[in-house]
């Protein structure tokens, strides 16, 4: 999470959505940047809105919240691959001992095991409601557009590259498991479809013109 007080903007770091690339270039411009602990580095919109003591005498509701969201299956696969890394060997969070399909099934449990306890993007963005608490949400595939907008808002001139626009195809996932994910993450999938359709993109015409250049 990065806070830009003068510009009344907060960038929220949704895990596994390219936030590190944006943070790496914008941190020098931030008034406050949380790199740890994880609950602050990856603070949710709800957490920000409740940070009254931290922000006094600044009203956190005066800040625009900007965040990225990723296609849900791609987001799950990224978590799975991240937890196969060698430094997690013999750790409860390691996924080396399970297949991707078993990992997906485990994430659907009411109380997932440690290796599958990753939460959801919908919960991050909406908390217990159905409407995002962040005003501006970019699809993960439009990382460069997000950077263009942040540059415009902050008066900076940085570049980041778009990621692969096509999520990796997981050929070892059965239709039954895909259906299970579709049921358990229905709200997240529907929210992502709205994000991908541009529902939460900036409406500023000058921004849209800059992105199309």
C-alpha atoms as a PDB file:
ATOM      1  CA  UNK A   1       0.000   0.000   0.000  1.00  0.00           C
ATOM      2  CA  UNK A   2       1.172   3.484  -0.885  1.00  0.00           C
ATOM      3  CA  UNK A   3      -0.345   6.752   0.306  1.00  0.00           C
ATOM      4  CA  UNK A   4      -0.023   9.977  -1.697  1.00  0.00           C
ATOM      5  CA  UNK A   5      -1.377  12.620   0.680  1.00  0.00           C
ATOM      6  CA  UNK A   6      -1.231  15.691  -1.550  1.00  0.00           C
ATOM      7  CA  UNK A   7      -2.935  13.898  -4.445  1.00  0.00           C
ATOM      8  CA  UNK A   8      -5.531  12.252  -2.174  1.00  0.00           C
ATOM      9  CA  UNK A   9      -4.783   8.837  -3.641  1.00  0.00           C
ATOM     10  CA  UNK A  10      -4.058   5.438  -2.093  1.00  0.00           C
ATOM     11  CA  UNK A  11      -2.734   2.536  -4.158  1.00  0.00           C
ATOM     12  CA  UNK A  12      -3.781  -0.817  -2.690  1.00  0.00           C
ATOM     13  CA  UNK A  13      -1.617  -3.891  -3.291  1.00  0.00           C
ATOM     14  CA  UNK A  14      -3.916  -6.794  -4.087  1.00  0.00           C
ATOM     15  CA  UNK A  15      -1.646  -9.881  -3.909  1.00  0.00           C
ATOM     16  CA  UNK A  16      -0.709 -11.481  -7.233  1.00  0.00           C
ATOM     17  CA  UNK A  17      -1.852  -8.593  -9.439  1.00  0.00           C
ATOM     18  CA  UNK A  18       1.421  -6.972 -10.483  1.00  0.00           C
ATOM     19  CA  UNK A  19       1.480  -4.545  -7.567  1.00  0.00           C
ATOM     20  CA  UNK A  20       5.227  -5.042  -7.048  1.00  0.00           C
ATOM     21  CA  UNK A  21       5.978  -3.583 -10.497  1.00  0.00           C
ATOM     22  CA  UNK A  22       3.956  -0.446  -9.759  1.00  0.00           C
ATOM     23  CA  UNK A  23       5.286  -0.095  -6.217  1.00  0.00           C
ATOM     24  CA  UNK A  24       8.881  -0.383  -7.401  1.00  0.00           C
ATOM     25  CA  UNK A  25       8.600   2.809  -9.456  1.00  0.00           C
ATOM     26  CA  UNK A  26       6.153   4.819  -7.348  1.00  0.00           C
ATOM     27  CA  UNK A  27       7.435   4.198  -3.809  1.00  0.00           C
ATOM     28  CA  UNK A  28       9.926   7.113  -3.992  1.00  0.00           C
ATOM     29  CA  UNK A  29       6.971   9.440  -4.655  1.00  0.00           C
ATOM     30  CA  UNK A  30       4.761   8.096  -1.849  1.00  0.00           C
ATOM     31  CA  UNK A  31       4.349   9.910   1.456  1.00  0.00           C
ATOM     32  CA  UNK A  32       3.796   6.565   3.180  1.00  0.00           C
ATOM     33  CA  UNK A  33       4.588   3.097   1.784  1.00  0.00           C
ATOM     34  CA  UNK A  34       3.931  -0.065   3.738  1.00  0.00           C
ATOM     35  CA  UNK A  35       6.160  -2.977   2.762  1.00  0.00           C
ATOM     36  CA  UNK A  36       5.409  -4.993   5.915  1.00  0.00           C
ATOM     37  CA  UNK A  37       3.638  -6.521   7.760  1.00  0.00           C
ATOM     38  CA  UNK A  38       1.406  -8.203   5.151  1.00  0.00           C
ATOM     39  CA  UNK A  39      -1.799  -6.914   6.772  1.00  0.00           C
ATOM     40  CA  UNK A  40      -0.618  -3.359   6.010  1.00  0.00           C
ATOM     41  CA  UNK A  41       1.267  -4.030   2.786  1.00  0.00           C
ATOM     42  CA  UNK A  42      -1.886  -5.689   1.425  1.00  0.00           C
ATOM     43  CA  UNK A  43      -4.402  -3.552   3.312  1.00  0.00           C
ATOM     44  CA  UNK A  44      -7.966  -3.804   1.988  1.00  0.00           C
ATOM     45  CA  UNK A  45     -10.326  -0.915   1.223  1.00  0.00           C
ATOM     46  CA  UNK A  46     -12.240  -1.730   4.425  1.00  0.00           C
ATOM     47  CA  UNK A  47      -9.031  -1.513   6.454  1.00  0.00           C
ATOM     48  CA  UNK A  48      -8.240   1.893   4.952  1.00  0.00           C
ATOM     49  CA  UNK A  49     -11.694   3.254   5.670  1.00  0.00           C
ATOM     50  CA  UNK A  50     -11.260   2.197   9.304  1.00  0.00           C
ATOM     51  CA  UNK A  51      -7.805   3.768   9.702  1.00  0.00           C
ATOM     52  CA  UNK A  52      -9.242   6.845  11.422  1.00  0.00           C
ATOM     53  CA  UNK A  53      -6.506   7.010  14.036  1.00  0.00           C
ATOM     54  CA  UNK A  54      -3.705   6.619  11.506  1.00  0.00           C
ATOM     55  CA  UNK A  55      -5.091   9.267   9.172  1.00  0.00           C
ATOM     56  CA  UNK A  56      -6.185  11.930  11.669  1.00  0.00           C
ATOM     57  CA  UNK A  57      -6.684  14.774  10.991  1.00  0.00           C
ATOM     58  CA  UNK A  58      -7.044  13.509   7.384  1.00  0.00           C
ATOM     59  CA  UNK A  59     -10.359  11.920   6.424  1.00  0.00           C
ATOM     60  CA  UNK A  60      -9.620   8.607   4.631  1.00  0.00           C
ATOM     61  CA  UNK A  61     -12.854   9.023   2.686  1.00  0.00           C
ATOM     62  CA  UNK A  62     -11.224  11.942   0.859  1.00  0.00           C
ATOM     63  CA  UNK A  63      -8.808   9.530  -0.825  1.00  0.00           C
ATOM     64  CA  UNK A  64      -9.367   7.752  -4.115  1.00  0.00           C
ATOM     65  CA  UNK A  65      -8.580   4.044  -3.766  1.00  0.00           C
ATOM     66  CA  UNK A  66      -6.863   2.459  -6.798  1.00  0.00           C
ATOM     67  CA  UNK A  67      -6.332  -1.284  -7.095  1.00  0.00           C
ATOM     68  CA  UNK A  68      -5.834  -4.087  -9.640  1.00  0.00           C
ATOM     69  CA  UNK A  69      -7.928  -7.250 -10.057  1.00  0.00           C
ATOM     70  CA  UNK A  70      -6.982 -10.468 -11.830  1.00  0.00           C
ATOM     71  CA  UNK A  71      -9.024 -13.099 -13.672  1.00  0.00           C
ATOM     72  CA  UNK A  72      -9.956 -15.498 -10.813  1.00  0.00           C
ATOM     73  CA  UNK A  73      -8.575 -18.767 -12.201  1.00  0.00           C
ATOM     74  CA  UNK A  74      -5.342 -17.060 -13.225  1.00  0.00           C
ATOM     75  CA  UNK A  75      -5.158 -15.533  -9.730  1.00  0.00           C
ATOM     76  CA  UNK A  76      -5.565 -18.980  -8.152  1.00  0.00           C
ATOM     77  CA  UNK A  77      -2.909 -20.462 -10.421  1.00  0.00           C
ATOM     78  CA  UNK A  78      -0.506 -17.666  -9.513  1.00  0.00           C
ATOM     79  CA  UNK A  79      -0.965 -18.440  -5.812  1.00  0.00           C
ATOM     80  CA  UNK A  80      -0.422 -22.142  -6.482  1.00  0.00           C
ATOM     81  CA  UNK A  81       2.785 -21.557  -8.425  1.00  0.00           C
ATOM     82  CA  UNK A  82       4.051 -19.036  -5.869  1.00  0.00           C
ATOM     83  CA  UNK A  83       3.683 -21.584  -3.101  1.00  0.00           C
ATOM     84  CA  UNK A  84       5.638 -24.255  -4.955  1.00  0.00           C
ATOM     85  CA  UNK A  85       8.879 -22.319  -4.496  1.00  0.00           C
ATOM     86  CA  UNK A  86      11.732 -24.132  -2.762  1.00  0.00           C
ATOM     87  CA  UNK A  87      11.961 -21.833   0.265  1.00  0.00           C
ATOM     88  CA  UNK A  88       8.546 -23.143   1.337  1.00  0.00           C
ATOM     89  CA  UNK A  89       9.640 -26.799   1.322  1.00  0.00           C
ATOM     90  CA  UNK A  90       8.237 -28.575   4.390  1.00  0.00           C
ATOM     91  CA  UNK A  91       6.202 -25.477   5.271  1.00  0.00           C
ATOM     92  CA  UNK A  92       2.412 -25.767   5.775  1.00  0.00           C
ATOM     93  CA  UNK A  93       1.918 -23.204   2.977  1.00  0.00           C
ATOM     94  CA  UNK A  94       3.823 -25.244   0.388  1.00  0.00           C
ATOM     95  CA  UNK A  95       1.850 -26.617  -2.568  1.00  0.00           C
ATOM     96  CA  UNK A  96       4.598 -28.892  -3.859  1.00  0.00           C
ATOM     97  CA  UNK A  97       2.820 -31.904  -2.435  1.00  0.00           C
ATOM     98  CA  UNK A  98      -0.519 -31.288  -4.179  1.00  0.00           C
ATOM     99  CA  UNK A  99      -1.724 -31.002  -7.749  1.00  0.00           C
ATOM    100  CA  UNK A 100      -3.225 -27.759  -9.007  1.00  0.00           C
ATOM    101  CA  UNK A 101      -6.622 -29.422  -9.169  1.00  0.00           C
ATOM    102  CA  UNK A 102      -6.393 -30.572  -5.548  1.00  0.00           C
ATOM    103  CA  UNK A 103      -5.310 -27.062  -4.590  1.00  0.00           C
ATOM    104  CA  UNK A 104      -8.400 -25.621  -6.277  1.00  0.00           C
ATOM    105  CA  UNK A 105     -10.650 -28.061  -4.456  1.00  0.00           C
ATOM    106  CA  UNK A 106      -8.979 -27.230  -1.140  1.00  0.00           C
ATOM    107  CA  UNK A 107      -9.590 -23.490  -1.633  1.00  0.00           C
ATOM    108  CA  UNK A 108     -13.315 -24.253  -1.770  1.00  0.00           C
ATOM    109  CA  UNK A 109     -13.412 -25.818   1.690  1.00  0.00           C
ATOM    110  CA  UNK A 110     -15.146 -23.918   4.472  1.00  0.00           C
ATOM    111  CA  UNK A 111     -11.883 -23.921   6.419  1.00  0.00           C
ATOM    112  CA  UNK A 112      -9.129 -24.442   3.803  1.00  0.00           C
ATOM    113  CA  UNK A 113      -5.852 -26.061   4.859  1.00  0.00           C
ATOM    114  CA  UNK A 114      -2.910 -23.686   5.287  1.00  0.00           C
ATOM    115  CA  UNK A 115      -1.600 -24.214   1.738  1.00  0.00           C
ATOM    116  CA  UNK A 116      -4.973 -23.192   0.266  1.00  0.00           C
ATOM    117  CA  UNK A 117      -5.921 -20.376   2.655  1.00  0.00           C
ATOM    118  CA  UNK A 118      -5.621 -17.435   0.255  1.00  0.00           C
ATOM    119  CA  UNK A 119      -8.915 -15.600   0.677  1.00  0.00           C
ATOM    120  CA  UNK A 120     -10.604 -14.037  -2.325  1.00  0.00           C
ATOM    121  CA  UNK A 121     -10.365 -10.898  -4.405  1.00  0.00           C
ATOM    122  CA  UNK A 122     -14.073 -10.282  -3.865  1.00  0.00           C
ATOM    123  CA  UNK A 123     -13.589 -10.271  -0.098  1.00  0.00           C
ATOM    124  CA  UNK A 124     -10.567  -7.969  -0.487  1.00  0.00           C
ATOM    125  CA  UNK A 125     -12.553  -5.471  -2.533  1.00  0.00           C
ATOM    126  CA  UNK A 126     -16.063  -5.752  -1.129  1.00  0.00           C
ATOM    127  CA  UNK A 127     -15.568  -7.022   2.416  1.00  0.00           C
ATOM    128  CA  UNK A 128     -18.988  -8.402   3.457  1.00  0.00           C
ATOM    129  CA  UNK A 129     -20.959  -6.487   0.825  1.00  0.00           C
ATOM    130  CA  UNK A 130     -21.402  -6.841  -2.931  1.00  0.00           C
ATOM    131  CA  UNK A 131     -20.093  -3.452  -4.093  1.00  0.00           C
ATOM    132  CA  UNK A 132     -16.357  -2.659  -4.230  1.00  0.00           C
ATOM    133  CA  UNK A 133     -15.116  -0.203  -1.626  1.00  0.00           C
ATOM    134  CA  UNK A 134     -12.466   1.031  -4.072  1.00  0.00           C
ATOM    135  CA  UNK A 135     -13.462   3.592  -6.681  1.00  0.00           C
ATOM    136  CA  UNK A 136     -10.943   2.687  -9.378  1.00  0.00           C
ATOM    137  CA  UNK A 137     -10.182  -0.921 -10.340  1.00  0.00           C
ATOM    138  CA  UNK A 138      -8.009  -1.902 -13.292  1.00  0.00           C
ATOM    139  CA  UNK A 139      -7.877  -5.409 -14.800  1.00  0.00           C
ATOM    140  CA  UNK A 140      -4.503  -7.070 -14.243  1.00  0.00           C
ATOM    141  CA  UNK A 141      -4.115  -7.334 -18.012  1.00  0.00           C
ATOM    142  CA  UNK A 142      -4.137  -3.513 -18.262  1.00  0.00           C
ATOM    143  CA  UNK A 143      -1.159  -2.847 -16.039  1.00  0.00           C
ATOM    144  CA  UNK A 144       0.238  -0.199 -18.393  1.00  0.00           C
ATOM    145  CA  UNK A 145      -3.122   1.629 -18.439  1.00  0.00           C
ATOM    146  CA  UNK A 146      -3.103   1.658 -14.649  1.00  0.00           C
ATOM    147  CA  UNK A 147       0.390   3.134 -14.743  1.00  0.00           C
ATOM    148  CA  UNK A 148      -0.751   5.776 -17.230  1.00  0.00           C
ATOM    149  CA  UNK A 149      -3.546   6.787 -14.884  1.00  0.00           C
ATOM    150  CA  UNK A 150      -1.295   6.858 -11.825  1.00  0.00           C
ATOM    151  CA  UNK A 151       1.238   8.962 -13.727  1.00  0.00           C
ATOM    152  CA  UNK A 152      -1.507  11.415 -14.640  1.00  0.00           C
ATOM    153  CA  UNK A 153      -2.795  11.618 -11.074  1.00  0.00           C
ATOM    154  CA  UNK A 154       0.634  11.863  -9.453  1.00  0.00           C
ATOM    155  CA  UNK A 155       2.523  13.898 -12.024  1.00  0.00           C
ATOM    156  CA  UNK A 156       5.072  11.144 -12.646  1.00  0.00           C
ATOM    157  CA  UNK A 157       6.443   9.586 -15.837  1.00  0.00           C
ATOM    158  CA  UNK A 158       7.025   5.871 -15.305  1.00  0.00           C
ATOM    159  CA  UNK A 159       6.330   2.861 -17.492  1.00  0.00           C
ATOM    160  CA  UNK A 160       5.473  -0.762 -16.804  1.00  0.00           C
ATOM    161  CA  UNK A 161       4.660  -3.446 -19.362  1.00  0.00           C
ATOM    162  CA  UNK A 162       1.347  -5.233 -19.730  1.00  0.00           C
ATOM    163  CA  UNK A 163       1.305  -8.864 -18.678  1.00  0.00           C
ATOM    164  CA  UNK A 164       0.170 -11.701 -20.883  1.00  0.00           C
ATOM    165  CA  UNK A 165      -3.464 -10.960 -21.675  1.00  0.00           C
ATOM    166  CA  UNK A 166      -4.374 -14.662 -21.812  1.00  0.00           C
ATOM    167  CA  UNK A 167      -4.472 -16.590 -18.517  1.00  0.00           C
ATOM    168  CA  UNK A 168      -2.412 -19.783 -18.541  1.00  0.00           C
ATOM    169  CA  UNK A 169      -4.453 -22.788 -19.619  1.00  0.00           C
ATOM    170  CA  UNK A 170      -4.592 -25.459 -16.912  1.00  0.00           C
ATOM    171  CA  UNK A 171      -5.214 -28.609 -18.954  1.00  0.00           C
ATOM    172  CA  UNK A 172      -5.162 -30.813 -15.844  1.00  0.00           C
ATOM    173  CA  UNK A 173      -8.302 -29.282 -14.354  1.00  0.00           C
ATOM    174  CA  UNK A 174     -11.471 -31.265 -14.893  1.00  0.00           C
ATOM    175  CA  UNK A 175     -14.786 -29.735 -15.895  1.00  0.00           C
ATOM    176  CA  UNK A 176     -16.215 -30.749 -12.517  1.00  0.00           C
ATOM    177  CA  UNK A 177     -13.561 -28.765 -10.650  1.00  0.00           C
ATOM    178  CA  UNK A 178     -13.973 -25.774 -12.947  1.00  0.00           C
ATOM    179  CA  UNK A 179     -17.703 -25.923 -12.234  1.00  0.00           C
ATOM    180  CA  UNK A 180     -16.958 -26.063  -8.498  1.00  0.00           C
ATOM    181  CA  UNK A 181     -14.757 -22.973  -8.764  1.00  0.00           C
ATOM    182  CA  UNK A 182     -17.474 -21.260 -10.771  1.00  0.00           C
ATOM    183  CA  UNK A 183     -19.970 -21.929  -7.991  1.00  0.00           C
ATOM    184  CA  UNK A 184     -17.742 -21.071  -5.027  1.00  0.00           C
ATOM    185  CA  UNK A 185     -16.286 -17.931  -6.609  1.00  0.00           C
ATOM    186  CA  UNK A 186     -19.348 -16.794  -8.493  1.00  0.00           C
ATOM    187  CA  UNK A 187     -19.321 -13.306  -6.986  1.00  0.00           C
ATOM    188  CA  UNK A 188     -15.608 -12.905  -7.691  1.00  0.00           C
ATOM    189  CA  UNK A 189     -16.020 -14.039 -11.293  1.00  0.00           C
ATOM    190  CA  UNK A 190     -18.978 -11.693 -11.840  1.00  0.00           C
ATOM    191  CA  UNK A 191     -17.063  -8.799 -10.290  1.00  0.00           C
ATOM    192  CA  UNK A 192     -14.062  -9.480 -12.515  1.00  0.00           C
ATOM    193  CA  UNK A 193     -16.314  -9.485 -15.573  1.00  0.00           C
ATOM    194  CA  UNK A 194     -17.496  -6.002 -14.569  1.00  0.00           C
ATOM    195  CA  UNK A 195     -13.909  -4.864 -13.991  1.00  0.00           C
ATOM    196  CA  UNK A 196     -12.771  -6.277 -17.348  1.00  0.00           C
ATOM    197  CA  UNK A 197     -15.686  -4.503 -19.046  1.00  0.00           C
ATOM    198  CA  UNK A 198     -14.408  -1.196 -17.684  1.00  0.00           C
ATOM    199  CA  UNK A 199     -17.111  -0.506 -15.092  1.00  0.00           C
ATOM    200  CA  UNK A 200     -14.578   0.738 -12.532  1.00  0.00           C
ATOM    201  CA  UNK A 201     -12.122   2.461 -14.841  1.00  0.00           C
ATOM    202  CA  UNK A 202     -11.628   6.243 -14.617  1.00  0.00           C
ATOM    203  CA  UNK A 203     -14.241   8.216 -16.519  1.00  0.00           C
ATOM    204  CA  UNK A 204     -11.937  11.187 -17.157  1.00  0.00           C
ATOM    205  CA  UNK A 205     -11.897  11.765 -20.966  1.00  0.00           C
ATOM    206  CA  UNK A 206      -8.310  13.023 -20.847  1.00  0.00           C
ATOM    207  CA  UNK A 207      -7.215   9.728 -19.300  1.00  0.00           C
ATOM    208  CA  UNK A 208      -9.034   7.698 -21.955  1.00  0.00           C
ATOM    209  CA  UNK A 209      -7.340   9.768 -24.649  1.00  0.00           C
ATOM    210  CA  UNK A 210      -3.928   9.237 -23.074  1.00  0.00           C
ATOM    211  CA  UNK A 211      -4.413   5.467 -22.926  1.00  0.00           C
ATOM    212  CA  UNK A 212      -5.435   5.294 -26.588  1.00  0.00           C
ATOM    213  CA  UNK A 213      -2.360   7.168 -27.794  1.00  0.00           C
END
